[in-house]
């Protein structure tokens, strides 16, 4: 559901592009097929031309009959109709499918990462609570290093892709804080 909501904007703009194509080609067919039998049948007005292009060209319902009639009366209109089919059905609508798939997969990856973070938080909370010597809900550098000495904590972190050795190497940077005047001091981290 989140993927479809996120894709709503892309769908809207794709449909706007399709409407513009329908309008431009509707005007062209109205002008080019004016006074012909096929023009009177399918392209009697711009709105009628847009409807014919949508149903027969874009959704490809009865494509062959319309193209054959157009080709007999005006070869230029026949070629133009195939150009419209190429632009609308094969390009714009396939682009819409591609965008939807990309957005849905991005949302799925985000959700998967969120689930992994929540899972680690759930399991690590127990370890942090046991090792929080001061009981203030904050973790000092020494408490953090004590947590990383536990094989269970290292296993949890490695399971979600955290480089525990790299984290130990960067522990000073993690717990260092610079104030307004440029002095550095140790800080404690909050753990929710």
N, C-alpha and C. Protein backbone atom coordinates (compact mmCIF):
# COMPACT_ATOMS: atom_id res chain seq x y z
N UNK A 1 0.84 -1.19 0.00
CA UNK A 1 0.00 0.00 0.00
C UNK A 1 0.88 1.25 0.00
N UNK A 2 1.93 1.26 0.83
CA UNK A 2 2.81 2.43 0.87
C UNK A 2 3.46 2.67 -0.48
N UNK A 3 3.81 1.59 -1.17
CA UNK A 3 4.42 1.71 -2.50
C UNK A 3 3.49 2.36 -3.50
N UNK A 4 2.23 1.98 -3.44
CA UNK A 4 1.25 2.56 -4.37
C UNK A 4 1.00 4.03 -4.05
N UNK A 5 0.98 4.37 -2.77
CA UNK A 5 0.79 5.78 -2.40
C UNK A 5 1.99 6.60 -2.87
N UNK A 6 3.19 6.06 -2.67
CA UNK A 6 4.39 6.78 -3.10
C UNK A 6 4.45 6.91 -4.62
N UNK A 7 3.87 5.95 -5.32
CA UNK A 7 3.88 6.00 -6.79
C UNK A 7 2.79 6.90 -7.35
N UNK A 8 1.89 7.37 -6.52
CA UNK A 8 0.78 8.20 -6.98
C UNK A 8 1.21 9.41 -7.77
N UNK A 9 2.27 10.06 -7.34
CA UNK A 9 2.76 11.25 -8.03
C UNK A 9 3.26 10.89 -9.43
N UNK A 10 4.00 9.81 -9.54
CA UNK A 10 4.51 9.37 -10.83
C UNK A 10 3.37 8.98 -11.76
N UNK A 11 2.38 8.31 -11.21
CA UNK A 11 1.22 7.92 -12.01
C UNK A 11 0.50 9.17 -12.52
N UNK A 12 0.32 10.16 -11.67
CA UNK A 12 -0.35 11.39 -12.06
C UNK A 12 0.36 12.06 -13.22
N UNK A 13 1.67 12.21 -13.13
CA UNK A 13 2.40 12.89 -14.19
C UNK A 13 2.46 12.06 -15.47
N UNK A 14 2.49 10.75 -15.34
CA UNK A 14 2.44 9.89 -16.53
C UNK A 14 1.10 10.03 -17.22
N UNK A 15 0.02 10.07 -16.45
CA UNK A 15 -1.30 10.26 -17.05
C UNK A 15 -1.44 11.65 -17.67
N UNK A 16 -0.81 12.65 -17.07
CA UNK A 16 -0.80 14.00 -17.68
C UNK A 16 -0.07 13.97 -19.02
N UNK A 17 1.05 13.28 -19.07
CA UNK A 17 1.79 13.15 -20.33
C UNK A 17 0.95 12.42 -21.37
N UNK A 18 0.24 11.38 -20.95
CA UNK A 18 -0.63 10.65 -21.87
C UNK A 18 -1.76 11.54 -22.36
N UNK A 19 -2.34 12.36 -21.49
CA UNK A 19 -3.41 13.28 -21.90
C UNK A 19 -2.89 14.29 -22.92
N UNK A 20 -1.69 14.80 -22.70
CA UNK A 20 -1.10 15.74 -23.66
C UNK A 20 -0.90 15.08 -25.02
N UNK A 21 -0.41 13.84 -25.01
CA UNK A 21 -0.27 13.10 -26.27
C UNK A 21 -1.61 12.92 -26.96
N UNK A 22 -2.63 12.54 -26.19
CA UNK A 22 -3.96 12.36 -26.75
C UNK A 22 -4.48 13.67 -27.35
N UNK A 23 -4.27 14.77 -26.68
CA UNK A 23 -4.76 16.07 -27.14
C UNK A 23 -4.04 16.50 -28.42
N UNK A 24 -2.73 16.42 -28.42
CA UNK A 24 -1.94 16.85 -29.59
C UNK A 24 -2.27 15.98 -30.80
N UNK A 25 -2.26 14.66 -30.61
CA UNK A 25 -2.57 13.78 -31.74
C UNK A 25 -4.04 13.87 -32.13
N UNK A 26 -4.93 14.15 -31.16
CA UNK A 26 -6.35 14.35 -31.48
C UNK A 26 -6.55 15.53 -32.40
N UNK A 27 -5.85 16.62 -32.14
CA UNK A 27 -5.92 17.80 -33.01
C UNK A 27 -5.36 17.46 -34.39
N UNK A 28 -4.23 16.76 -34.41
CA UNK A 28 -3.62 16.41 -35.69
C UNK A 28 -4.54 15.52 -36.52
N UNK A 29 -5.14 14.51 -35.91
CA UNK A 29 -6.03 13.64 -36.66
C UNK A 29 -7.31 14.35 -37.07
N UNK A 30 -7.79 15.22 -36.24
CA UNK A 30 -9.00 16.00 -36.61
C UNK A 30 -8.72 16.82 -37.86
N UNK A 31 -7.55 17.42 -37.95
CA UNK A 31 -7.20 18.26 -39.09
C UNK A 31 -6.88 17.41 -40.33
N UNK A 32 -6.09 16.35 -40.16
CA UNK A 32 -5.64 15.56 -41.30
C UNK A 32 -6.75 14.70 -41.90
N UNK A 33 -7.68 14.21 -41.07
CA UNK A 33 -8.72 13.31 -41.56
C UNK A 33 -10.03 14.05 -41.85
N UNK A 34 -10.00 15.36 -41.84
CA UNK A 34 -11.21 16.16 -42.07
C UNK A 34 -11.74 15.91 -43.49
N UNK A 35 -13.03 15.64 -43.61
CA UNK A 35 -13.65 15.45 -44.91
C UNK A 35 -13.57 14.03 -45.44
N UNK A 36 -12.93 13.11 -44.71
CA UNK A 36 -12.86 11.71 -45.16
C UNK A 36 -13.89 10.90 -44.39
N UNK A 37 -14.20 9.71 -44.91
CA UNK A 37 -15.16 8.83 -44.23
C UNK A 37 -14.65 8.41 -42.85
N UNK A 38 -13.38 8.03 -42.79
CA UNK A 38 -12.80 7.63 -41.51
C UNK A 38 -12.71 8.83 -40.55
N UNK A 39 -12.48 10.00 -41.09
CA UNK A 39 -12.46 11.21 -40.27
C UNK A 39 -13.82 11.51 -39.67
N UNK A 40 -14.87 11.34 -40.49
CA UNK A 40 -16.23 11.57 -39.98
C UNK A 40 -16.63 10.51 -38.97
N UNK A 41 -16.12 9.29 -39.16
CA UNK A 41 -16.48 8.19 -38.27
C UNK A 41 -15.74 8.24 -36.93
N UNK A 42 -14.42 8.43 -36.99
CA UNK A 42 -13.60 8.35 -35.77
C UNK A 42 -13.08 9.69 -35.26
N UNK A 43 -12.93 10.67 -36.11
CA UNK A 43 -12.26 11.92 -35.73
C UNK A 43 -13.12 13.14 -36.05
N UNK A 44 -14.42 13.07 -35.77
CA UNK A 44 -15.33 14.17 -36.11
C UNK A 44 -15.11 15.41 -35.25
N UNK A 45 -14.55 15.23 -34.06
CA UNK A 45 -14.20 16.36 -33.19
C UNK A 45 -12.90 16.00 -32.48
N UNK A 46 -12.31 16.97 -31.81
CA UNK A 46 -11.08 16.69 -31.08
C UNK A 46 -11.36 15.69 -29.95
N UNK A 47 -12.47 15.85 -29.27
CA UNK A 47 -12.83 14.93 -28.19
C UNK A 47 -13.06 13.52 -28.74
N UNK A 48 -13.74 13.42 -29.87
CA UNK A 48 -13.96 12.11 -30.51
C UNK A 48 -12.63 11.51 -30.95
N UNK A 49 -11.74 12.32 -31.47
CA UNK A 49 -10.42 11.84 -31.88
C UNK A 49 -9.62 11.35 -30.68
N UNK A 50 -9.69 12.09 -29.57
CA UNK A 50 -8.98 11.66 -28.35
C UNK A 50 -9.55 10.34 -27.84
N UNK A 51 -10.87 10.18 -27.90
CA UNK A 51 -11.49 8.94 -27.46
C UNK A 51 -11.05 7.77 -28.33
N UNK A 52 -11.05 7.98 -29.65
CA UNK A 52 -10.61 6.93 -30.57
C UNK A 52 -9.15 6.57 -30.32
N UNK A 53 -8.31 7.58 -30.11
CA UNK A 53 -6.90 7.33 -29.84
C UNK A 53 -6.71 6.58 -28.53
N UNK A 54 -7.49 6.92 -27.52
CA UNK A 54 -7.37 6.24 -26.23
C UNK A 54 -7.80 4.78 -26.34
N UNK A 55 -8.98 4.55 -26.89
CA UNK A 55 -9.51 3.19 -26.94
C UNK A 55 -8.76 2.32 -27.95
N UNK A 56 -8.60 2.83 -29.18
CA UNK A 56 -8.03 2.00 -30.24
C UNK A 56 -6.52 2.09 -30.33
N UNK A 57 -5.95 3.22 -29.94
CA UNK A 57 -4.50 3.37 -30.06
C UNK A 57 -3.75 3.08 -28.79
N UNK A 58 -4.25 3.60 -27.69
CA UNK A 58 -3.54 3.45 -26.42
C UNK A 58 -3.84 2.09 -25.78
N UNK A 59 -5.12 1.77 -25.69
CA UNK A 59 -5.52 0.49 -25.08
C UNK A 59 -5.56 -0.64 -26.10
N UNK A 60 -5.37 -0.30 -27.36
CA UNK A 60 -5.27 -1.24 -28.49
C UNK A 60 -6.49 -2.16 -28.62
N UNK A 61 -7.68 -1.59 -28.48
CA UNK A 61 -8.91 -2.34 -28.68
C UNK A 61 -9.38 -2.11 -30.11
N UNK A 62 -9.24 -3.08 -30.97
CA UNK A 62 -9.65 -2.94 -32.37
C UNK A 62 -8.67 -2.10 -33.17
N UNK A 63 -7.41 -2.24 -32.88
CA UNK A 63 -6.37 -1.43 -33.52
C UNK A 63 -6.31 -1.65 -35.02
N UNK A 64 -6.42 -2.90 -35.47
CA UNK A 64 -6.24 -3.22 -36.88
C UNK A 64 -7.27 -2.57 -37.79
N UNK A 65 -8.54 -2.60 -37.39
CA UNK A 65 -9.59 -2.02 -38.23
C UNK A 65 -9.43 -0.53 -38.45
N UNK A 66 -9.10 0.18 -37.40
CA UNK A 66 -8.94 1.64 -37.50
C UNK A 66 -7.73 1.97 -38.38
N UNK A 67 -6.63 1.26 -38.19
CA UNK A 67 -5.42 1.56 -38.96
C UNK A 67 -5.62 1.24 -40.43
N UNK A 68 -6.30 0.14 -40.73
CA UNK A 68 -6.54 -0.21 -42.14
C UNK A 68 -7.39 0.85 -42.82
N UNK A 69 -8.45 1.30 -42.14
CA UNK A 69 -9.30 2.34 -42.72
C UNK A 69 -8.53 3.64 -42.89
N UNK A 70 -7.73 3.99 -41.89
CA UNK A 70 -6.92 5.22 -41.99
C UNK A 70 -5.92 5.11 -43.13
N UNK A 71 -5.26 3.96 -43.25
CA UNK A 71 -4.26 3.76 -44.29
C UNK A 71 -4.84 3.84 -45.69
N UNK A 72 -6.06 3.34 -45.87
CA UNK A 72 -6.71 3.40 -47.18
C UNK A 72 -7.02 4.84 -47.58
N UNK A 73 -7.50 5.60 -46.64
CA UNK A 73 -7.93 6.97 -46.96
C UNK A 73 -6.78 7.96 -46.93
N UNK A 74 -5.82 7.75 -46.02
CA UNK A 74 -4.69 8.68 -45.91
C UNK A 74 -3.49 7.94 -45.33
N UNK A 75 -2.51 7.61 -46.18
CA UNK A 75 -1.32 6.91 -45.67
C UNK A 75 -0.59 7.71 -44.58
N UNK A 76 -0.63 9.03 -44.66
CA UNK A 76 0.01 9.86 -43.64
C UNK A 76 -0.65 9.63 -42.29
N UNK A 77 -1.98 9.56 -42.28
CA UNK A 77 -2.70 9.31 -41.02
C UNK A 77 -2.39 7.92 -40.48
N UNK A 78 -2.23 6.93 -41.37
CA UNK A 78 -1.88 5.58 -40.94
C UNK A 78 -0.53 5.55 -40.24
N UNK A 79 0.46 6.23 -40.84
CA UNK A 79 1.80 6.30 -40.23
C UNK A 79 1.74 7.07 -38.91
N UNK A 80 1.00 8.16 -38.90
CA UNK A 80 0.87 8.98 -37.69
C UNK A 80 0.20 8.18 -36.56
N UNK A 81 -0.77 7.34 -36.93
CA UNK A 81 -1.44 6.52 -35.93
C UNK A 81 -0.46 5.53 -35.30
N UNK A 82 0.40 4.92 -36.12
CA UNK A 82 1.41 3.99 -35.59
C UNK A 82 2.42 4.72 -34.70
N UNK A 83 2.74 5.95 -35.05
CA UNK A 83 3.64 6.75 -34.20
C UNK A 83 2.98 7.00 -32.85
N UNK A 84 1.66 7.31 -32.88
CA UNK A 84 0.95 7.51 -31.62
C UNK A 84 0.96 6.23 -30.78
N UNK A 85 0.70 5.09 -31.41
CA UNK A 85 0.71 3.81 -30.69
C UNK A 85 2.07 3.57 -30.06
N UNK A 86 3.11 3.84 -30.83
CA UNK A 86 4.47 3.66 -30.31
C UNK A 86 4.72 4.56 -29.10
N UNK A 87 4.34 5.82 -29.21
CA UNK A 87 4.58 6.77 -28.11
C UNK A 87 3.72 6.47 -26.90
N UNK A 88 2.45 6.19 -27.12
CA UNK A 88 1.55 6.04 -25.96
C UNK A 88 1.65 4.67 -25.32
N UNK A 89 1.37 3.65 -26.07
CA UNK A 89 1.30 2.31 -25.48
C UNK A 89 2.66 1.74 -25.14
N UNK A 90 3.57 1.83 -26.07
CA UNK A 90 4.84 1.14 -25.86
C UNK A 90 5.83 1.96 -25.04
N UNK A 91 5.69 3.26 -25.03
CA UNK A 91 6.64 4.08 -24.29
C UNK A 91 6.07 4.59 -22.98
N UNK A 92 5.00 5.37 -23.04
CA UNK A 92 4.47 6.02 -21.84
C UNK A 92 3.92 5.00 -20.85
N UNK A 93 3.11 4.07 -21.32
CA UNK A 93 2.52 3.12 -20.38
C UNK A 93 3.54 2.13 -19.84
N UNK A 94 4.50 1.74 -20.64
CA UNK A 94 5.57 0.88 -20.11
C UNK A 94 6.47 1.65 -19.15
N UNK A 95 6.64 2.95 -19.40
CA UNK A 95 7.39 3.77 -18.45
C UNK A 95 6.64 3.82 -17.12
N UNK A 96 5.33 3.92 -17.17
CA UNK A 96 4.52 3.91 -15.97
C UNK A 96 4.71 2.61 -15.19
N UNK A 97 4.70 1.49 -15.87
CA UNK A 97 4.91 0.20 -15.21
C UNK A 97 6.30 0.15 -14.57
N UNK A 98 7.31 0.64 -15.29
CA UNK A 98 8.66 0.66 -14.75
C UNK A 98 8.78 1.53 -13.51
N UNK A 99 8.16 2.70 -13.55
CA UNK A 99 8.20 3.61 -12.40
C UNK A 99 7.50 2.97 -11.21
N UNK A 100 6.34 2.37 -11.45
CA UNK A 100 5.62 1.72 -10.36
C UNK A 100 6.43 0.60 -9.72
N UNK A 101 7.06 -0.21 -10.55
CA UNK A 101 7.88 -1.31 -10.02
C UNK A 101 9.06 -0.77 -9.21
N UNK A 102 9.70 0.27 -9.70
CA UNK A 102 10.84 0.87 -9.00
C UNK A 102 10.43 1.44 -7.65
N UNK A 103 9.30 2.16 -7.62
CA UNK A 103 8.84 2.76 -6.38
C UNK A 103 8.45 1.69 -5.37
N UNK A 104 7.74 0.68 -5.83
CA UNK A 104 7.32 -0.39 -4.93
C UNK A 104 8.54 -1.12 -4.36
N UNK A 105 9.54 -1.38 -5.19
CA UNK A 105 10.73 -2.07 -4.67
C UNK A 105 11.52 -1.18 -3.71
N UNK A 106 11.55 0.13 -3.96
CA UNK A 106 12.24 1.03 -3.02
C UNK A 106 11.52 1.08 -1.68
N UNK A 107 10.20 1.13 -1.71
CA UNK A 107 9.43 1.13 -0.45
C UNK A 107 9.62 -0.20 0.27
N UNK A 108 9.65 -1.30 -0.47
CA UNK A 108 9.86 -2.61 0.16
C UNK A 108 11.23 -2.68 0.83
N UNK A 109 12.26 -2.14 0.17
CA UNK A 109 13.60 -2.14 0.77
C UNK A 109 13.62 -1.28 2.03
N UNK A 110 12.95 -0.14 2.00
CA UNK A 110 12.89 0.73 3.18
C UNK A 110 12.17 0.02 4.34
N UNK A 111 11.07 -0.63 4.02
CA UNK A 111 10.32 -1.36 5.04
C UNK A 111 11.16 -2.50 5.63
N UNK A 112 11.90 -3.19 4.76
CA UNK A 112 12.74 -4.29 5.23
C UNK A 112 13.82 -3.77 6.18
N UNK A 113 14.42 -2.64 5.81
CA UNK A 113 15.44 -2.04 6.68
C UNK A 113 14.84 -1.59 8.01
N UNK A 114 13.64 -1.02 7.94
CA UNK A 114 12.98 -0.58 9.16
C UNK A 114 12.67 -1.76 10.08
N UNK A 115 12.22 -2.86 9.50
CA UNK A 115 11.97 -4.06 10.31
C UNK A 115 13.25 -4.59 10.94
N UNK A 116 14.36 -4.56 10.19
CA UNK A 116 15.64 -5.03 10.73
C UNK A 116 16.10 -4.14 11.88
N UNK A 117 15.95 -2.83 11.72
CA UNK A 117 16.35 -1.90 12.79
C UNK A 117 15.51 -2.13 14.03
N UNK A 118 14.20 -2.28 13.86
CA UNK A 118 13.33 -2.53 15.01
C UNK A 118 13.66 -3.85 15.69
N UNK A 119 13.98 -4.86 14.89
CA UNK A 119 14.34 -6.16 15.45
C UNK A 119 15.61 -6.06 16.29
N UNK A 120 16.62 -5.37 15.75
CA UNK A 120 17.87 -5.20 16.50
C UNK A 120 17.63 -4.36 17.75
N UNK A 121 16.82 -3.30 17.63
CA UNK A 121 16.54 -2.45 18.80
C UNK A 121 15.88 -3.27 19.91
N UNK A 122 14.96 -4.12 19.52
CA UNK A 122 14.27 -4.95 20.50
C UNK A 122 15.24 -5.84 21.26
N UNK A 123 16.13 -6.50 20.51
CA UNK A 123 17.07 -7.43 21.14
C UNK A 123 18.21 -6.71 21.85
N UNK A 124 18.66 -5.60 21.30
CA UNK A 124 19.76 -4.87 21.93
C UNK A 124 19.31 -4.12 23.17
N UNK A 125 18.04 -3.76 23.24
CA UNK A 125 17.52 -3.02 24.41
C UNK A 125 17.75 -3.82 25.69
N UNK A 126 17.56 -5.13 25.59
CA UNK A 126 17.78 -5.98 26.77
C UNK A 126 19.24 -5.92 27.21
N UNK A 127 20.14 -5.99 26.24
CA UNK A 127 21.57 -5.92 26.57
C UNK A 127 21.94 -4.56 27.15
N UNK A 128 21.43 -3.50 26.54
CA UNK A 128 21.74 -2.15 27.03
C UNK A 128 21.20 -1.94 28.44
N UNK A 129 20.00 -2.43 28.69
CA UNK A 129 19.43 -2.28 30.03
C UNK A 129 20.27 -3.00 31.08
N UNK A 130 20.79 -4.17 30.73
CA UNK A 130 21.62 -4.93 31.67
C UNK A 130 22.97 -4.26 31.92
N UNK A 131 23.51 -3.58 30.90
CA UNK A 131 24.84 -3.00 31.02
C UNK A 131 24.83 -1.51 31.34
N UNK A 132 23.66 -0.90 31.44
CA UNK A 132 23.57 0.52 31.79
C UNK A 132 23.78 0.65 33.30
N UNK A 133 25.04 0.82 33.68
CA UNK A 133 25.40 0.84 35.09
C UNK A 133 24.79 2.01 35.84
N UNK A 134 24.70 3.16 35.18
CA UNK A 134 24.17 4.34 35.86
C UNK A 134 22.65 4.34 35.90
N UNK A 135 21.99 3.58 35.00
CA UNK A 135 20.53 3.50 35.00
C UNK A 135 19.85 4.74 34.45
N UNK A 136 20.60 5.60 33.76
CA UNK A 136 20.02 6.84 33.24
C UNK A 136 19.52 6.73 31.80
N UNK A 137 19.61 5.56 31.20
CA UNK A 137 19.15 5.38 29.83
C UNK A 137 20.14 5.88 28.79
N UNK A 138 21.32 6.29 29.25
CA UNK A 138 22.36 6.74 28.33
C UNK A 138 23.52 5.76 28.39
N UNK A 139 24.25 5.69 27.29
CA UNK A 139 25.34 4.74 27.20
C UNK A 139 26.66 5.50 27.09
N UNK A 140 27.54 5.20 28.02
CA UNK A 140 28.87 5.82 27.97
C UNK A 140 29.77 4.97 27.08
N UNK A 141 30.96 5.49 26.83
CA UNK A 141 31.92 4.76 26.00
C UNK A 141 32.27 3.42 26.62
N UNK A 142 32.48 3.41 27.95
CA UNK A 142 32.83 2.16 28.62
C UNK A 142 31.69 1.14 28.55
N UNK A 143 30.45 1.61 28.74
CA UNK A 143 29.29 0.71 28.65
C UNK A 143 29.15 0.17 27.22
N UNK A 144 29.40 1.02 26.24
CA UNK A 144 29.32 0.62 24.83
C UNK A 144 30.34 -0.46 24.51
N UNK A 145 31.56 -0.26 24.98
CA UNK A 145 32.60 -1.27 24.74
C UNK A 145 32.28 -2.58 25.45
N UNK A 146 31.65 -2.48 26.63
CA UNK A 146 31.25 -3.68 27.35
C UNK A 146 30.17 -4.44 26.58
N UNK A 147 29.27 -3.71 25.94
CA UNK A 147 28.23 -4.35 25.12
C UNK A 147 28.87 -5.08 23.94
N UNK A 148 29.85 -4.43 23.30
CA UNK A 148 30.48 -5.03 22.13
C UNK A 148 31.35 -6.24 22.48
N UNK A 149 31.64 -6.43 23.75
CA UNK A 149 32.37 -7.62 24.17
C UNK A 149 31.46 -8.85 24.26
N UNK A 150 30.17 -8.62 24.24
CA UNK A 150 29.21 -9.73 24.31
C UNK A 150 29.04 -10.34 22.92
N UNK A 151 29.24 -11.63 22.76
CA UNK A 151 29.08 -12.29 21.46
C UNK A 151 27.66 -12.15 20.90
N UNK A 152 26.67 -12.15 21.80
CA UNK A 152 25.27 -12.01 21.36
C UNK A 152 25.04 -10.66 20.68
N UNK A 153 25.59 -9.59 21.26
CA UNK A 153 25.43 -8.26 20.67
C UNK A 153 26.16 -8.16 19.34
N UNK A 154 27.36 -8.69 19.27
CA UNK A 154 28.12 -8.66 18.02
C UNK A 154 27.39 -9.44 16.93
N UNK A 155 26.81 -10.57 17.30
CA UNK A 155 26.06 -11.37 16.33
C UNK A 155 24.85 -10.62 15.79
N UNK A 156 24.13 -9.93 16.69
CA UNK A 156 22.97 -9.14 16.26
C UNK A 156 23.38 -8.03 15.30
N UNK A 157 24.47 -7.34 15.64
CA UNK A 157 24.92 -6.23 14.79
C UNK A 157 25.42 -6.73 13.44
N UNK A 158 26.16 -7.82 13.44
CA UNK A 158 26.66 -8.37 12.17
C UNK A 158 25.52 -8.89 11.31
N UNK A 159 24.46 -9.36 11.94
CA UNK A 159 23.32 -9.90 11.20
C UNK A 159 22.64 -8.82 10.35
N UNK A 160 22.68 -7.58 10.80
CA UNK A 160 22.08 -6.49 10.02
C UNK A 160 23.12 -5.69 9.26
N UNK A 161 24.34 -6.20 9.16
CA UNK A 161 25.34 -5.57 8.30
C UNK A 161 26.24 -4.54 8.96
N UNK A 162 26.29 -4.49 10.28
CA UNK A 162 27.16 -3.55 10.97
C UNK A 162 28.54 -4.18 11.15
N UNK A 163 29.58 -3.45 10.77
CA UNK A 163 30.95 -3.92 10.93
C UNK A 163 31.38 -3.62 12.37
N UNK A 164 31.36 -4.64 13.21
CA UNK A 164 31.65 -4.46 14.64
C UNK A 164 33.10 -4.02 14.84
N UNK A 165 34.05 -4.58 14.10
CA UNK A 165 35.46 -4.19 14.23
C UNK A 165 35.63 -2.72 13.85
N UNK A 166 34.99 -2.32 12.77
CA UNK A 166 35.04 -0.91 12.35
C UNK A 166 34.40 0.01 13.38
N UNK A 167 33.33 -0.48 14.02
CA UNK A 167 32.67 0.32 15.05
C UNK A 167 33.60 0.50 16.26
N UNK A 168 34.32 -0.55 16.62
CA UNK A 168 35.26 -0.44 17.75
C UNK A 168 36.37 0.53 17.39
N UNK A 169 36.85 0.49 16.15
CA UNK A 169 37.89 1.43 15.71
C UNK A 169 37.42 2.88 15.76
N UNK A 170 36.11 3.10 15.55
CA UNK A 170 35.56 4.46 15.50
C UNK A 170 34.90 4.90 16.81
N UNK A 171 35.07 4.14 17.86
CA UNK A 171 34.37 4.43 19.11
C UNK A 171 34.72 5.82 19.65
N UNK A 172 35.96 6.26 19.48
CA UNK A 172 36.32 7.60 19.97
C UNK A 172 35.55 8.68 19.20
N UNK A 173 35.41 8.52 17.90
CA UNK A 173 34.68 9.50 17.09
C UNK A 173 33.19 9.48 17.43
N UNK A 174 32.66 8.31 17.76
CA UNK A 174 31.24 8.20 18.09
C UNK A 174 30.91 8.95 19.38
N UNK A 175 31.81 8.87 20.35
CA UNK A 175 31.53 9.45 21.67
C UNK A 175 32.19 10.81 21.88
N UNK A 176 32.81 11.39 20.86
CA UNK A 176 33.47 12.69 20.99
C UNK A 176 32.49 13.78 20.55
N UNK A 177 32.49 14.88 21.29
CA UNK A 177 31.60 15.99 20.99
C UNK A 177 32.41 17.28 21.02
N UNK A 178 32.16 18.16 20.05
CA UNK A 178 32.85 19.45 19.99
C UNK A 178 31.84 20.54 20.35
N UNK A 179 32.22 21.41 21.31
CA UNK A 179 31.30 22.48 21.70
C UNK A 179 31.51 23.73 20.83
N UNK A 180 30.85 24.82 21.18
CA UNK A 180 30.86 26.05 20.39
C UNK A 180 32.26 26.68 20.28
N UNK A 181 33.09 26.52 21.28
CA UNK A 181 34.43 27.14 21.27
C UNK A 181 35.48 26.22 20.67
N UNK A 182 35.08 25.00 20.26
CA UNK A 182 36.02 24.08 19.62
C UNK A 182 36.64 23.07 20.55
N UNK A 183 36.27 23.08 21.82
CA UNK A 183 36.82 22.10 22.76
C UNK A 183 36.08 20.77 22.59
N UNK A 184 36.83 19.70 22.72
CA UNK A 184 36.21 18.38 22.58
C UNK A 184 36.05 17.75 23.94
N UNK A 185 34.96 16.99 24.08
CA UNK A 185 34.70 16.30 25.34
C UNK A 185 33.94 15.01 25.04
N UNK A 186 33.95 14.09 25.98
CA UNK A 186 33.24 12.83 25.81
C UNK A 186 31.75 13.06 26.06
N UNK A 187 30.93 12.34 25.32
CA UNK A 187 29.49 12.46 25.53
C UNK A 187 28.91 11.06 25.71
N UNK A 188 27.67 11.04 26.18
CA UNK A 188 26.94 9.79 26.30
C UNK A 188 25.85 9.77 25.25
N UNK A 189 25.52 8.58 24.76
CA UNK A 189 24.49 8.43 23.74
C UNK A 189 23.17 7.98 24.38
N UNK A 190 22.08 8.52 23.85
CA UNK A 190 20.76 8.08 24.29
C UNK A 190 20.40 6.81 23.55
N UNK A 191 19.78 5.90 24.28
CA UNK A 191 19.26 4.70 23.63
C UNK A 191 17.76 4.65 23.92
N UNK A 192 16.97 4.68 22.85
CA UNK A 192 15.50 4.72 23.06
C UNK A 192 14.97 3.45 23.70
